[in-house]
Amino acid sequence: MLWTIAVILLVLWLIGYFGPARLPSIPRTGSLIHLLLVIAVIIIVVNLLQR
């Protein structure tokens, strides 16, 4: 379940980061992109430490 959330957050981050350059209709989100990346990394680290 955590891996699914982490992958979804990572995909959203990639869309937010590279999307505006490719598709101008996607708005720039600024700090939200970095927040999603930090949440995804924290989820992955917590999941790896629990094993």
PDB file of N, CA and C in Angstrom:
ATOM      1  N   MET A   1       0.821  -1.190   0.000  1.00  0.00           N
ATOM      2  CA  MET A   1       0.000   0.000   0.000  1.00  0.00           C
ATOM      3  C   MET A   1       0.869   1.261   0.000  1.00  0.00           C
ATOM      4  N   LEU A   2       1.928   1.271   0.824  1.00  0.00           N
ATOM      5  CA  LEU A   2       2.805   2.436   0.856  1.00  0.00           C
ATOM      6  C   LEU A   2       3.541   2.633  -0.461  1.00  0.00           C
ATOM      7  N   TRP A   3       3.912   1.521  -1.104  1.00  0.00           N
ATOM      8  CA  TRP A   3       4.598   1.646  -2.390  1.00  0.00           C
ATOM      9  C   TRP A   3       3.676   2.263  -3.424  1.00  0.00           C
ATOM     10  N   THR A   4       2.402   1.924  -3.389  1.00  0.00           N
ATOM     11  CA  THR A   4       1.438   2.487  -4.333  1.00  0.00           C
ATOM     12  C   THR A   4       1.318   3.993  -4.133  1.00  0.00           C
ATOM     13  N   ILE A   5       1.223   4.417  -2.886  1.00  0.00           N
ATOM     14  CA  ILE A   5       1.129   5.848  -2.591  1.00  0.00           C
ATOM     15  C   ILE A   5       2.407   6.562  -3.028  1.00  0.00           C
ATOM     16  N   ALA A   6       3.548   5.954  -2.765  1.00  0.00           N
ATOM     17  CA  ALA A   6       4.820   6.561  -3.145  1.00  0.00           C
ATOM     18  C   ALA A   6       4.931   6.696  -4.661  1.00  0.00           C
ATOM     19  N   VAL A   7       4.505   5.688  -5.390  1.00  0.00           N
ATOM     20  CA  VAL A   7       4.560   5.743  -6.855  1.00  0.00           C
ATOM     21  C   VAL A   7       3.607   6.809  -7.382  1.00  0.00           C
ATOM     22  N   ILE A   8       2.425   6.888  -6.822  1.00  0.00           N
ATOM     23  CA  ILE A   8       1.462   7.902  -7.257  1.00  0.00           C
ATOM     24  C   ILE A   8       2.016   9.300  -6.996  1.00  0.00           C
ATOM     25  N   LEU A   9       2.588   9.528  -5.817  1.00  0.00           N
ATOM     26  CA  LEU A   9       3.171  10.835  -5.514  1.00  0.00           C
ATOM     27  C   LEU A   9       4.341  11.155  -6.436  1.00  0.00           C
ATOM     28  N   LEU A  10       5.149  10.156  -6.753  1.00  0.00           N
ATOM     29  CA  LEU A  10       6.277  10.376  -7.650  1.00  0.00           C
ATOM     30  C   LEU A  10       5.801  10.717  -9.058  1.00  0.00           C
ATOM     31  N   VAL A  11       4.769  10.033  -9.535  1.00  0.00           N
ATOM     32  CA  VAL A  11       4.209  10.328 -10.861  1.00  0.00           C
ATOM     33  C   VAL A  11       3.616  11.731 -10.878  1.00  0.00           C
ATOM     34  N   LEU A  12       2.895  12.114  -9.822  1.00  0.00           N
ATOM     35  CA  LEU A  12       2.342  13.460  -9.756  1.00  0.00           C
ATOM     36  C   LEU A  12       3.454  14.508  -9.748  1.00  0.00           C
ATOM     37  N   TRP A  13       4.550  14.204  -9.040  1.00  0.00           N
ATOM     38  CA  TRP A  13       5.674  15.127  -9.027  1.00  0.00           C
ATOM     39  C   TRP A  13       6.273  15.270 -10.417  1.00  0.00           C
ATOM     40  N   LEU A  14       6.441  14.152 -11.115  1.00  0.00           N
ATOM     41  CA  LEU A  14       7.002  14.208 -12.470  1.00  0.00           C
ATOM     42  C   LEU A  14       6.099  14.988 -13.413  1.00  0.00           C
ATOM     43  N   ILE A  15       4.795  14.778 -13.309  1.00  0.00           N
ATOM     44  CA  ILE A  15       3.857  15.528 -14.150  1.00  0.00           C
ATOM     45  C   ILE A  15       3.919  17.016 -13.822  1.00  0.00           C
ATOM     46  N   GLY A  16       3.974  17.336 -12.553  1.00  0.00           N
ATOM     47  CA  GLY A  16       4.052  18.738 -12.157  1.00  0.00           C
ATOM     48  C   GLY A  16       5.360  19.395 -12.536  1.00  0.00           C
ATOM     49  N   TYR A  17       6.432  18.623 -12.529  1.00  0.00           N
ATOM     50  CA  TYR A  17       7.743  19.194 -12.824  1.00  0.00           C
ATOM     51  C   TYR A  17       7.978  19.344 -14.321  1.00  0.00           C
ATOM     52  N   PHE A  18       7.675  18.285 -15.092  1.00  0.00           N
ATOM     53  CA  PHE A  18       7.943  18.307 -16.521  1.00  0.00           C
ATOM     54  C   PHE A  18       6.722  18.686 -17.355  1.00  0.00           C
ATOM     55  N   GLY A  19       5.552  18.646 -16.762  1.00  0.00           N
ATOM     56  CA  GLY A  19       4.323  18.912 -17.500  1.00  0.00           C
ATOM     57  C   GLY A  19       4.212  20.289 -18.112  1.00  0.00           C
ATOM     58  N   PRO A  20       4.468  21.368 -17.358  1.00  0.00           N
ATOM     59  CA  PRO A  20       4.302  22.709 -17.923  1.00  0.00           C
ATOM     60  C   PRO A  20       5.199  22.991 -19.128  1.00  0.00           C
ATOM     61  N   ALA A  21       6.345  22.357 -19.194  1.00  0.00           N
ATOM     62  CA  ALA A  21       7.228  22.561 -20.344  1.00  0.00           C
ATOM     63  C   ALA A  21       6.666  21.886 -21.589  1.00  0.00           C
ATOM     64  N   ARG A  22       5.985  20.763 -21.399  1.00  0.00           N
ATOM     65  CA  ARG A  22       5.442  20.003 -22.531  1.00  0.00           C
ATOM     66  C   ARG A  22       4.007  20.420 -22.864  1.00  0.00           C
ATOM     67  N   LEU A  23       3.216  20.623 -21.835  1.00  0.00           N
ATOM     68  CA  LEU A  23       1.813  21.006 -22.007  1.00  0.00           C
ATOM     69  C   LEU A  23       1.563  22.306 -21.247  1.00  0.00           C
ATOM     70  N   PRO A  24       1.437  23.410 -21.942  1.00  0.00           N
ATOM     71  CA  PRO A  24       1.248  24.696 -21.238  1.00  0.00           C
ATOM     72  C   PRO A  24      -0.053  24.777 -20.436  1.00  0.00           C
ATOM     73  N   SER A  25      -0.996  23.883 -20.676  1.00  0.00           N
ATOM     74  CA  SER A  25      -2.255  23.934 -19.939  1.00  0.00           C
ATOM     75  C   SER A  25      -2.102  23.460 -18.489  1.00  0.00           C
ATOM     76  N   ILE A  26      -0.992  22.762 -18.180  1.00  0.00           N
ATOM     77  CA  ILE A  26      -0.736  22.319 -16.808  1.00  0.00           C
ATOM     78  C   ILE A  26      -0.078  23.484 -16.066  1.00  0.00           C
ATOM     79  N   PRO A  27      -0.699  23.968 -14.991  1.00  0.00           N
ATOM     80  CA  PRO A  27      -0.130  25.129 -14.292  1.00  0.00           C
ATOM     81  C   PRO A  27       1.117  24.770 -13.486  1.00  0.00           C
ATOM     82  N   ARG A  28       1.966  25.740 -13.257  1.00  0.00           N
ATOM     83  CA  ARG A  28       3.131  25.553 -12.389  1.00  0.00           C
ATOM     84  C   ARG A  28       2.646  25.517 -10.944  1.00  0.00           C
ATOM     85  N   THR A  29       3.194  24.585 -10.162  1.00  0.00           N
ATOM     86  CA  THR A  29       2.712  24.427  -8.796  1.00  0.00           C
ATOM     87  C   THR A  29       3.744  24.800  -7.744  1.00  0.00           C
ATOM     88  N   GLY A  30       4.955  25.109  -8.140  1.00  0.00           N
ATOM     89  CA  GLY A  30       5.956  25.610  -7.199  1.00  0.00           C
ATOM     90  C   GLY A  30       6.278  24.666  -6.068  1.00  0.00           C
ATOM     91  N   SER A  31       5.977  25.081  -4.839  1.00  0.00           N
ATOM     92  CA  SER A  31       6.391  24.313  -3.668  1.00  0.00           C
ATOM     93  C   SER A  31       5.618  23.007  -3.507  1.00  0.00           C
ATOM     94  N   LEU A  32       4.458  22.899  -4.131  1.00  0.00           N
ATOM     95  CA  LEU A  32       3.698  21.646  -4.043  1.00  0.00           C
ATOM     96  C   LEU A  32       4.478  20.491  -4.664  1.00  0.00           C
ATOM     97  N   ILE A  33       5.216  20.761  -5.709  1.00  0.00           N
ATOM     98  CA  ILE A  33       6.030  19.731  -6.354  1.00  0.00           C
ATOM     99  C   ILE A  33       7.065  19.193  -5.371  1.00  0.00           C
ATOM    100  N   HIS A  34       7.737  20.087  -4.681  1.00  0.00           N
ATOM    101  CA  HIS A  34       8.760  19.660  -3.736  1.00  0.00           C
ATOM    102  C   HIS A  34       8.140  18.944  -2.546  1.00  0.00           C
ATOM    103  N   LEU A  35       6.982  19.383  -2.127  1.00  0.00           N
ATOM    104  CA  LEU A  35       6.283  18.722  -1.025  1.00  0.00           C
ATOM    105  C   LEU A  35       5.932  17.284  -1.397  1.00  0.00           C
ATOM    106  N   LEU A  36       5.445  17.064  -2.609  1.00  0.00           N
ATOM    107  CA  LEU A  36       5.117  15.709  -3.054  1.00  0.00           C
ATOM    108  C   LEU A  36       6.365  14.833  -3.091  1.00  0.00           C
ATOM    109  N   LEU A  37       7.465  15.380  -3.547  1.00  0.00           N
ATOM    110  CA  LEU A  37       8.708  14.609  -3.605  1.00  0.00           C
ATOM    111  C   LEU A  37       9.188  14.240  -2.208  1.00  0.00           C
ATOM    112  N   VAL A  38       9.126  15.172  -1.283  1.00  0.00           N
ATOM    113  CA  VAL A  38       9.558  14.896   0.091  1.00  0.00           C
ATOM    114  C   VAL A  38       8.665  13.834   0.729  1.00  0.00           C
ATOM    115  N   ILE A  39       7.357  13.917   0.517  1.00  0.00           N
ATOM    116  CA  ILE A  39       6.436  12.917   1.067  1.00  0.00           C
ATOM    117  C   ILE A  39       6.734  11.542   0.479  1.00  0.00           C
ATOM    118  N   ALA A  40       6.986  11.469  -0.823  1.00  0.00           N
ATOM    119  CA  ALA A  40       7.284  10.188  -1.462  1.00  0.00           C
ATOM    120  C   ALA A  40       8.578   9.594  -0.904  1.00  0.00           C
ATOM    121  N   VAL A  41       9.596  10.407  -0.721  1.00  0.00           N
ATOM    122  CA  VAL A  41      10.868   9.915  -0.195  1.00  0.00           C
ATOM    123  C   VAL A  41      10.706   9.448   1.253  1.00  0.00           C
ATOM    124  N   ILE A  42       9.960  10.195   2.055  1.00  0.00           N
ATOM    125  CA  ILE A  42       9.732   9.793   3.441  1.00  0.00           C
ATOM    126  C   ILE A  42       8.994   8.469   3.511  1.00  0.00           C
ATOM    127  N   ILE A  43       7.991   8.283   2.667  1.00  0.00           N
ATOM    128  CA  ILE A  43       7.236   7.031   2.657  1.00  0.00           C
ATOM    129  C   ILE A  43       8.143   5.860   2.280  1.00  0.00           C
ATOM    130  N   ILE A  44       8.994   6.046   1.293  1.00  0.00           N
ATOM    131  CA  ILE A  44       9.897   4.968   0.871  1.00  0.00           C
ATOM    132  C   ILE A  44      10.896   4.631   1.983  1.00  0.00           C
ATOM    133  N   VAL A  45      11.450   5.656   2.624  1.00  0.00           N
ATOM    134  CA  VAL A  45      12.422   5.415   3.698  1.00  0.00           C
ATOM    135  C   VAL A  45      11.767   4.709   4.882  1.00  0.00           C
ATOM    136  N   VAL A  46      10.582   5.143   5.268  1.00  0.00           N
ATOM    137  CA  VAL A  46       9.872   4.495   6.387  1.00  0.00           C
ATOM    138  C   VAL A  46       9.583   3.041   6.060  1.00  0.00           C
ATOM    139  N   ASN A  47       9.164   2.786   4.827  1.00  0.00           N
ATOM    140  CA  ASN A  47       8.855   1.416   4.423  1.00  0.00           C
ATOM    141  C   ASN A  47      10.129   0.549   4.430  1.00  0.00           C
ATOM    142  N   LEU A  48      11.246   1.100   3.990  1.00  0.00           N
ATOM    143  CA  LEU A  48      12.485   0.321   3.998  1.00  0.00           C
ATOM    144  C   LEU A  48      12.989   0.053   5.419  1.00  0.00           C
ATOM    145  N   LEU A  49      12.779   0.992   6.326  1.00  0.00           N
ATOM    146  CA  LEU A  49      13.232   0.818   7.712  1.00  0.00           C
ATOM    147  C   LEU A  49      12.365  -0.179   8.478  1.00  0.00           C
ATOM    148  N   GLN A  50      11.133  -0.372   8.055  1.00  0.00           N
ATOM    149  CA  GLN A  50      10.243  -1.296   8.748  1.00  0.00           C
ATOM    150  C   GLN A  50      10.547  -2.753   8.420  1.00  0.00           C
ATOM    151  N   ARG A  51      11.311  -2.997   7.403  1.00  0.00           N
ATOM    152  CA  ARG A  51      11.601  -4.389   7.008  1.00  0.00           C
ATOM    153  C   ARG A  51      12.681  -4.987   7.843  1.00  0.00           C
TER     154      ARG A  51
END
